[in-house]
N, C-alpha and C. Protein backbone atom coordinates (compact mmCIF):
# COMPACT_ATOMS: atom_id res chain seq x y z
N MET A 1 107.31 -145.98 -67.73
CA MET A 1 106.20 -146.20 -68.93
C MET A 1 105.01 -144.63 -68.46
N GLU A 2 104.91 -143.88 -69.42
CA GLU A 2 104.41 -142.94 -69.41
C GLU A 2 102.90 -143.15 -68.84
N ARG A 3 101.65 -141.88 -68.38
CA ARG A 3 100.63 -142.80 -68.25
C ARG A 3 100.11 -142.36 -69.18
N GLN A 4 98.59 -143.07 -69.74
CA GLN A 4 98.26 -142.65 -70.78
C GLN A 4 96.54 -142.42 -70.21
N ALA A 5 95.59 -141.17 -70.89
CA ALA A 5 94.03 -141.70 -70.56
C ALA A 5 93.41 -141.17 -71.89
N ARG A 6 92.03 -141.31 -71.46
CA ARG A 6 91.29 -141.23 -72.52
C ARG A 6 89.86 -140.20 -72.46
N CYS A 7 89.65 -139.27 -73.49
CA CYS A 7 88.50 -138.57 -73.08
C CYS A 7 87.75 -138.35 -74.49
N THR A 8 86.30 -137.96 -74.21
CA THR A 8 85.72 -137.57 -76.02
C THR A 8 85.20 -136.14 -75.53
N LEU A 9 85.79 -135.36 -76.83
CA LEU A 9 85.18 -134.14 -76.58
C LEU A 9 83.81 -133.93 -77.40
N LYS A 10 82.93 -133.01 -77.55
CA LYS A 10 81.92 -132.95 -78.25
C LYS A 10 82.28 -131.18 -78.52
N VAL A 11 82.58 -131.41 -80.36
CA VAL A 11 82.55 -130.31 -81.06
C VAL A 11 81.16 -129.79 -81.83
N LYS A 12 80.64 -128.63 -81.55
CA LYS A 12 79.57 -127.81 -81.88
C LYS A 12 79.68 -127.66 -83.59
N GLY A 13 79.35 -128.44 -84.36
CA GLY A 13 79.33 -127.64 -85.93
C GLY A 13 79.80 -128.75 -86.77
N LEU A 14 80.41 -129.78 -85.43
CA LEU A 14 81.60 -131.10 -86.53
C LEU A 14 80.57 -131.90 -87.28
N ASP A 15 80.04 -131.73 -87.93
CA ASP A 15 79.26 -132.66 -89.22
C ASP A 15 79.65 -133.17 -90.39
N CYS A 16 80.87 -132.56 -90.33
CA CYS A 16 81.05 -133.03 -91.98
C CYS A 16 83.04 -133.34 -92.40
N PRO A 17 83.14 -134.13 -92.84
CA PRO A 17 84.88 -133.94 -93.21
C PRO A 17 85.45 -132.57 -93.64
N SER A 18 85.07 -132.01 -93.68
CA SER A 18 85.97 -130.83 -93.97
C SER A 18 86.21 -129.88 -93.23
N GLU A 19 85.43 -130.15 -92.02
CA GLU A 19 85.89 -129.72 -90.68
C GLU A 19 86.72 -129.96 -89.84
N VAL A 20 87.54 -131.48 -90.36
CA VAL A 20 88.59 -132.53 -89.70
C VAL A 20 89.79 -131.34 -89.66
N PRO A 21 90.12 -131.15 -90.70
CA PRO A 21 91.70 -130.48 -90.52
C PRO A 21 92.10 -129.19 -89.76
N PRO A 22 91.03 -128.30 -88.97
CA PRO A 22 91.46 -127.88 -88.81
C PRO A 22 91.34 -127.80 -86.98
N ILE A 23 90.75 -129.28 -86.76
CA ILE A 23 90.40 -129.75 -85.46
C ILE A 23 91.81 -130.72 -85.56
N ARG A 24 92.14 -131.20 -86.43
CA ARG A 24 93.66 -132.15 -86.23
C ARG A 24 94.46 -131.56 -86.42
N SER A 25 94.76 -129.91 -86.54
CA SER A 25 95.83 -128.78 -86.62
C SER A 25 95.74 -128.43 -85.02
N ALA A 26 94.54 -128.46 -84.79
CA ALA A 26 94.66 -127.67 -83.15
C ALA A 26 95.17 -128.67 -82.08
N LEU A 27 94.91 -130.10 -82.49
CA LEU A 27 95.48 -130.98 -81.55
C LEU A 27 96.86 -132.01 -81.49
N ASP A 28 97.05 -132.00 -83.36
CA ASP A 28 98.55 -132.45 -83.36
C ASP A 28 99.67 -131.96 -83.05
N GLY A 29 100.60 -132.69 -82.42
CA GLY A 29 101.77 -131.64 -81.84
C GLY A 29 101.43 -131.08 -80.49
N ALA A 30 100.18 -131.18 -80.48
CA ALA A 30 99.55 -130.37 -78.65
C ALA A 30 100.43 -130.86 -77.39
N PRO A 31 101.16 -130.07 -76.57
CA PRO A 31 101.37 -131.01 -75.41
C PRO A 31 100.90 -132.09 -74.82
N GLY A 32 101.30 -133.44 -74.85
CA GLY A 32 100.30 -134.58 -74.04
C GLY A 32 99.87 -135.02 -74.84
N VAL A 33 99.30 -134.74 -75.93
CA VAL A 33 98.47 -135.42 -77.25
C VAL A 33 98.85 -136.77 -77.39
N CYS A 34 98.29 -137.72 -77.36
CA CYS A 34 99.47 -139.47 -78.08
C CYS A 34 98.15 -139.45 -79.59
N SER A 35 97.02 -139.41 -79.36
CA SER A 35 96.60 -139.38 -80.63
C SER A 35 95.10 -139.11 -80.53
N ILE A 36 94.64 -139.07 -81.75
CA ILE A 36 92.79 -138.35 -82.24
C ILE A 36 92.30 -139.19 -82.98
N ASP A 37 90.89 -139.32 -82.42
CA ASP A 37 90.08 -140.14 -83.38
C ASP A 37 88.77 -138.88 -83.61
N ILE A 38 88.71 -138.61 -84.89
CA ILE A 38 87.62 -137.58 -85.10
C ILE A 38 86.54 -138.10 -86.02
N ASN A 39 85.20 -138.13 -85.14
CA ASN A 39 84.21 -138.73 -85.77
C ASN A 39 83.43 -138.05 -85.84
N PRO A 40 82.92 -137.41 -87.35
CA PRO A 40 82.58 -136.27 -87.80
C PRO A 40 80.88 -136.50 -87.71
N PRO A 41 80.21 -137.43 -87.80
CA PRO A 41 78.81 -137.58 -88.21
C PRO A 41 79.00 -137.81 -86.68
N GLU A 42 79.12 -138.15 -85.64
CA GLU A 42 78.83 -137.72 -84.32
C GLU A 42 79.11 -136.26 -83.67
N GLY A 43 80.01 -135.90 -84.22
CA GLY A 43 80.56 -134.71 -83.86
C GLY A 43 81.62 -134.64 -82.50
N THR A 44 82.52 -135.82 -82.35
CA THR A 44 83.29 -136.29 -81.47
C THR A 44 84.19 -136.04 -81.53
N VAL A 45 85.41 -135.99 -80.84
CA VAL A 45 86.73 -136.27 -80.78
C VAL A 45 87.15 -137.03 -79.75
N ALA A 46 87.71 -138.14 -79.60
CA ALA A 46 88.53 -138.66 -78.51
C ALA A 46 89.91 -138.87 -78.72
N VAL A 47 90.43 -138.42 -77.87
CA VAL A 47 91.71 -137.61 -77.81
C VAL A 47 92.49 -138.72 -76.23
N ASP A 48 93.87 -139.46 -76.91
CA ASP A 48 94.55 -140.05 -75.71
C ASP A 48 95.63 -139.44 -75.47
N PHE A 49 96.03 -139.17 -74.06
CA PHE A 49 96.64 -137.95 -74.10
C PHE A 49 97.39 -138.41 -72.38
N ASP A 50 98.53 -137.69 -72.30
CA ASP A 50 99.35 -138.24 -70.81
C ASP A 50 98.80 -136.75 -69.84
N PRO A 51 98.04 -137.42 -68.74
CA PRO A 51 97.19 -136.82 -67.83
C PRO A 51 97.97 -136.17 -67.20
N ASP A 52 99.48 -136.08 -66.96
CA ASP A 52 100.55 -135.60 -66.16
C ASP A 52 101.02 -133.90 -66.84
N VAL A 53 100.48 -134.06 -68.24
CA VAL A 53 100.76 -132.75 -69.26
C VAL A 53 99.52 -132.23 -69.65
N THR A 54 98.80 -132.81 -69.46
CA THR A 54 97.17 -131.62 -69.83
C THR A 54 95.90 -132.54 -69.27
N ASP A 55 94.86 -132.03 -69.77
CA ASP A 55 93.46 -132.78 -69.02
C ASP A 55 92.54 -132.01 -70.24
N PRO A 56 91.49 -132.86 -70.45
CA PRO A 56 90.23 -132.63 -70.95
C PRO A 56 89.73 -130.91 -71.32
N SER A 57 89.94 -130.57 -70.45
CA SER A 57 89.32 -128.71 -70.45
C SER A 57 90.17 -128.04 -71.17
N GLU A 58 91.36 -128.43 -70.89
CA GLU A 58 92.77 -127.71 -71.77
C GLU A 58 92.36 -128.14 -72.76
N LEU A 59 92.35 -129.59 -73.35
CA LEU A 59 92.47 -129.98 -74.43
C LEU A 59 91.05 -129.23 -75.27
N ALA A 60 90.00 -128.82 -75.10
CA ALA A 60 88.63 -128.19 -75.08
C ALA A 60 89.02 -127.16 -75.84
N ASP A 61 89.66 -126.34 -74.53
CA ASP A 61 90.01 -125.02 -75.03
C ASP A 61 91.14 -124.83 -75.93
N ARG A 62 91.84 -125.56 -76.66
CA ARG A 62 92.28 -125.38 -77.45
C ARG A 62 91.61 -125.38 -78.37
N VAL A 63 91.10 -126.45 -78.94
CA VAL A 63 90.17 -126.71 -79.69
C VAL A 63 89.34 -125.46 -80.24
N SER A 64 88.83 -124.96 -79.21
CA SER A 64 87.87 -123.76 -79.55
C SER A 64 88.77 -122.63 -79.91
N ARG A 65 89.85 -122.70 -79.29
CA ARG A 65 90.67 -121.20 -79.39
C ARG A 65 91.49 -121.28 -81.44
N ILE A 66 91.59 -122.88 -81.43
CA ILE A 66 92.86 -122.66 -82.47
C ILE A 66 91.88 -122.99 -83.74
N ALA A 67 90.77 -123.78 -83.50
CA ALA A 67 89.97 -123.74 -84.72
C ALA A 67 88.50 -123.54 -84.87
N GLY A 68 88.35 -122.59 -83.76
CA GLY A 68 87.76 -121.53 -83.71
C GLY A 68 85.97 -122.56 -83.81
N MET A 69 86.05 -123.32 -83.24
CA MET A 69 84.53 -124.47 -83.02
C MET A 69 84.01 -124.49 -81.81
N ALA A 70 83.38 -124.10 -80.95
CA ALA A 70 82.88 -124.49 -79.77
C ALA A 70 83.10 -126.01 -79.04
N THR A 71 83.85 -125.96 -78.22
CA THR A 71 84.60 -127.39 -78.12
C THR A 71 84.31 -127.69 -75.88
N GLU A 72 83.33 -128.65 -76.33
CA GLU A 72 83.19 -129.49 -74.48
C GLU A 72 83.89 -130.45 -73.84
N PRO A 73 84.31 -130.97 -72.99
CA PRO A 73 84.41 -132.57 -72.66
C PRO A 73 83.21 -133.16 -72.12
N LEU A 74 83.11 -134.20 -73.14
CA LEU A 74 81.82 -135.02 -72.94
C LEU A 74 82.06 -135.86 -71.82
N SER A 75 83.07 -136.39 -71.79
CA SER A 75 83.53 -137.33 -70.84
C SER A 75 84.81 -137.02 -69.84
N GLU A 76 85.03 -137.73 -68.74
CA GLU A 76 85.90 -136.97 -68.11
C GLU A 76 87.12 -138.46 -68.27
N ALA A 77 88.37 -137.79 -68.37
CA ALA A 77 89.45 -138.60 -68.60
C ALA A 77 89.03 -140.29 -67.90
N LEU A 78 89.38 -141.11 -68.98
CA LEU A 78 89.51 -142.59 -68.33
C LEU A 78 90.82 -143.20 -68.98
N ALA A 79 91.29 -143.81 -67.41
CA ALA A 79 92.56 -143.81 -67.83
C ALA A 79 93.09 -145.25 -68.70
N ILE A 80 94.05 -145.11 -69.44
CA ILE A 80 94.23 -146.65 -70.21
C ILE A 80 95.13 -147.21 -69.71
N THR A 81 95.13 -148.29 -69.02
CA THR A 81 96.04 -149.44 -68.94
C THR A 81 96.47 -150.61 -69.25
N PRO A 82 97.82 -150.64 -69.45
CA PRO A 82 97.98 -152.12 -70.43
C PRO A 82 97.80 -153.00 -69.18
N SER A 83 97.43 -154.06 -70.27
CA SER A 83 97.29 -155.05 -69.55
C SER A 83 98.23 -156.00 -68.46
N LEU A 84 97.88 -156.32 -67.08
CA LEU A 84 98.85 -156.42 -66.44
C LEU A 84 99.31 -157.80 -66.49
N ASP A 85 98.50 -158.98 -67.23
CA ASP A 85 98.43 -160.28 -67.38
C ASP A 85 99.78 -160.82 -68.46
N GLU A 86 99.54 -159.93 -69.75
CA GLU A 86 100.79 -159.90 -70.99
C GLU A 86 101.27 -158.53 -70.75
N PRO A 87 102.79 -158.79 -70.41
CA PRO A 87 104.01 -158.02 -70.77
C PRO A 87 103.41 -158.02 -72.27
N ASP A 88 104.08 -156.34 -72.61
CA ASP A 88 104.61 -156.21 -73.66
C ASP A 88 105.40 -157.26 -74.20
N GLY A 89 105.54 -157.08 -75.68
CA GLY A 89 106.21 -158.44 -76.18
C GLY A 89 105.72 -159.79 -75.98
N SER A 90 104.79 -160.36 -75.05
CA SER A 90 104.31 -161.78 -75.34
C SER A 90 104.04 -161.90 -76.39
N TRP A 91 103.73 -163.59 -76.40
CA TRP A 91 103.37 -164.26 -77.67
C TRP A 91 102.12 -163.46 -78.08
N ARG A 92 101.06 -163.56 -76.81
CA ARG A 92 99.56 -163.38 -76.97
C ARG A 92 99.51 -162.09 -77.63
N SER A 93 100.33 -160.77 -77.11
CA SER A 93 100.31 -159.61 -77.63
C SER A 93 100.66 -159.45 -79.49
N ARG A 94 101.51 -160.61 -79.59
CA ARG A 94 102.25 -160.13 -80.49
C ARG A 94 101.30 -161.06 -81.75
N PHE A 95 100.96 -161.97 -81.28
CA PHE A 95 100.06 -163.14 -82.32
C PHE A 95 98.48 -163.39 -81.88
N GLY A 96 98.16 -162.78 -80.81
CA GLY A 96 97.03 -162.96 -80.33
C GLY A 96 95.71 -162.93 -81.56
N HIS A 97 95.85 -161.91 -82.79
CA HIS A 97 94.82 -161.45 -83.59
C HIS A 97 94.75 -163.06 -85.11
N TRP A 98 95.98 -163.64 -84.61
CA TRP A 98 96.23 -164.64 -85.81
C TRP A 98 95.42 -166.30 -85.23
N GLY A 99 94.93 -166.20 -83.87
CA GLY A 99 94.10 -167.27 -83.41
C GLY A 99 92.91 -167.63 -84.36
N TRP A 100 92.09 -166.57 -84.25
CA TRP A 100 90.68 -166.82 -85.05
C TRP A 100 91.05 -167.30 -86.48
N THR A 101 92.17 -166.02 -86.98
CA THR A 101 92.39 -167.09 -88.21
C THR A 101 92.79 -168.39 -88.45
N THR A 102 93.45 -168.75 -87.34
CA THR A 102 94.12 -170.15 -87.74
C THR A 102 92.76 -171.19 -87.48
N VAL A 103 92.30 -170.85 -86.40
CA VAL A 103 91.05 -171.81 -86.37
C VAL A 103 90.07 -172.11 -87.59
N SER A 104 89.64 -171.04 -88.45
CA SER A 104 88.43 -170.96 -89.56
C SER A 104 89.62 -171.71 -90.54
N GLY A 105 90.96 -171.79 -90.93
CA GLY A 105 91.86 -171.90 -91.61
C GLY A 105 91.55 -173.76 -91.28
N LEU A 106 91.50 -174.01 -89.99
CA LEU A 106 91.44 -175.53 -89.86
C LEU A 106 90.17 -175.82 -89.76
N ALA A 107 89.30 -175.06 -90.14
CA ALA A 107 87.76 -175.42 -90.23
C ALA A 107 87.94 -175.82 -91.47
N LEU A 108 88.11 -174.88 -92.66
CA LEU A 108 88.66 -174.72 -94.53
C LEU A 108 88.51 -176.30 -94.21
N VAL A 109 89.56 -176.26 -94.02
CA VAL A 109 90.87 -178.43 -94.02
C VAL A 109 89.80 -179.07 -93.78
N VAL A 110 89.34 -178.90 -92.74
CA VAL A 110 88.44 -180.26 -92.13
C VAL A 110 87.09 -180.31 -92.96
N GLY A 111 86.77 -179.17 -93.62
CA GLY A 111 85.32 -179.18 -94.43
C GLY A 111 85.59 -180.09 -95.75
N ALA A 112 87.17 -179.54 -96.02
CA ALA A 112 87.27 -180.23 -97.68
C ALA A 112 87.53 -181.39 -97.03
N ALA A 113 88.44 -181.59 -96.27
CA ALA A 113 88.35 -183.26 -95.68
C ALA A 113 87.35 -183.57 -96.57
N ALA A 114 86.71 -183.58 -95.17
CA ALA A 114 84.83 -184.23 -95.20
C ALA A 114 85.05 -184.66 -96.48
N ASP A 115 84.15 -183.79 -97.18
CA ASP A 115 83.83 -183.64 -98.74
C ASP A 115 84.89 -184.67 -99.42
N PHE A 116 85.96 -184.44 -99.47
CA PHE A 116 86.81 -185.30 -100.27
C PHE A 116 86.50 -187.12 -100.11
N PHE A 117 86.82 -187.06 -98.42
CA PHE A 117 86.82 -188.18 -98.14
C PHE A 117 85.39 -189.27 -98.08
N THR A 118 84.02 -188.77 -98.31
CA THR A 118 82.87 -188.88 -98.27
C THR A 118 82.63 -189.45 -99.90
N SER A 119 83.42 -188.52 -100.64
CA SER A 119 82.79 -188.34 -101.98
C SER A 119 83.96 -187.97 -103.00
N PRO A 120 84.98 -188.67 -103.49
CA PRO A 120 86.44 -188.28 -104.18
C PRO A 120 85.70 -187.92 -105.21
N GLU A 121 84.99 -188.49 -105.91
CA GLU A 121 84.68 -188.15 -107.20
C GLU A 121 83.92 -186.67 -107.45
N ASN A 122 83.44 -186.79 -106.42
CA ASN A 122 82.46 -185.32 -106.45
C ASN A 122 83.35 -184.45 -106.14
N PHE A 123 84.29 -184.52 -105.38
CA PHE A 123 85.28 -183.25 -105.05
C PHE A 123 85.97 -183.02 -106.30
N LEU A 124 86.77 -183.72 -106.90
CA LEU A 124 87.32 -183.58 -108.09
C LEU A 124 86.98 -183.15 -109.07
N LYS A 125 85.16 -183.14 -109.52
CA LYS A 125 84.63 -182.57 -110.11
C LYS A 125 84.55 -181.05 -109.74
N LYS A 126 84.04 -180.20 -108.88
CA LYS A 126 84.07 -179.24 -108.05
C LYS A 126 85.61 -178.74 -108.20
N ILE A 127 86.24 -179.28 -107.78
CA ILE A 127 87.75 -178.69 -108.32
C ILE A 127 87.50 -178.52 -109.98
N ASP A 128 87.60 -179.00 -111.00
CA ASP A 128 87.90 -179.04 -111.99
C ASP A 128 86.86 -178.04 -112.35
N LEU A 129 86.08 -177.87 -111.59
CA LEU A 129 84.85 -176.24 -112.33
C LEU A 129 85.61 -175.22 -111.62
N PHE A 130 86.63 -174.93 -110.85
CA PHE A 130 87.29 -173.62 -110.47
C PHE A 130 88.35 -173.76 -110.95
N PHE A 131 89.35 -174.91 -111.52
CA PHE A 131 90.42 -175.27 -111.59
C PHE A 131 90.44 -175.61 -113.36
N PRO A 132 90.26 -175.49 -114.60
CA PRO A 132 89.87 -176.40 -115.47
C PRO A 132 91.29 -176.67 -116.12
N LYS A 133 91.47 -177.95 -116.37
CA LYS A 133 92.67 -178.80 -116.77
C LYS A 133 93.06 -177.86 -118.21
N GLY A 134 92.10 -177.29 -118.98
CA GLY A 134 92.53 -176.63 -120.04
C GLY A 134 93.43 -175.41 -119.88
N LEU A 135 93.35 -174.96 -118.65
CA LEU A 135 94.37 -173.27 -118.69
C LEU A 135 95.94 -173.95 -117.68
């Protein structure tokens, strides 16, 4: 598994979306760059990279040289490590985001059932408002 790190670059003059393409072209396909997140309002670029191939100062120099915008590393490289608890492909890593969706769906069903069993006539009237019989 390749190691990965993340750094943030401060780009002077980056304040609108029209300045994104030169920065993206400077970093896309650069050796060791895995992903780029450009934030024009903040004037920053978050870069995920392989620390065995490149480092934040090299990335900043590349943006300065190719995009023509003064750039400096804002933060040192932070290692991105995969969770040791959950191996890739585990159930939680694949379906974990469904947990809250399931809980909210069950809460909706419980609420509807409570409304129905406390007053079935009112429940059916509410249903008729949304799904008229004539349609």
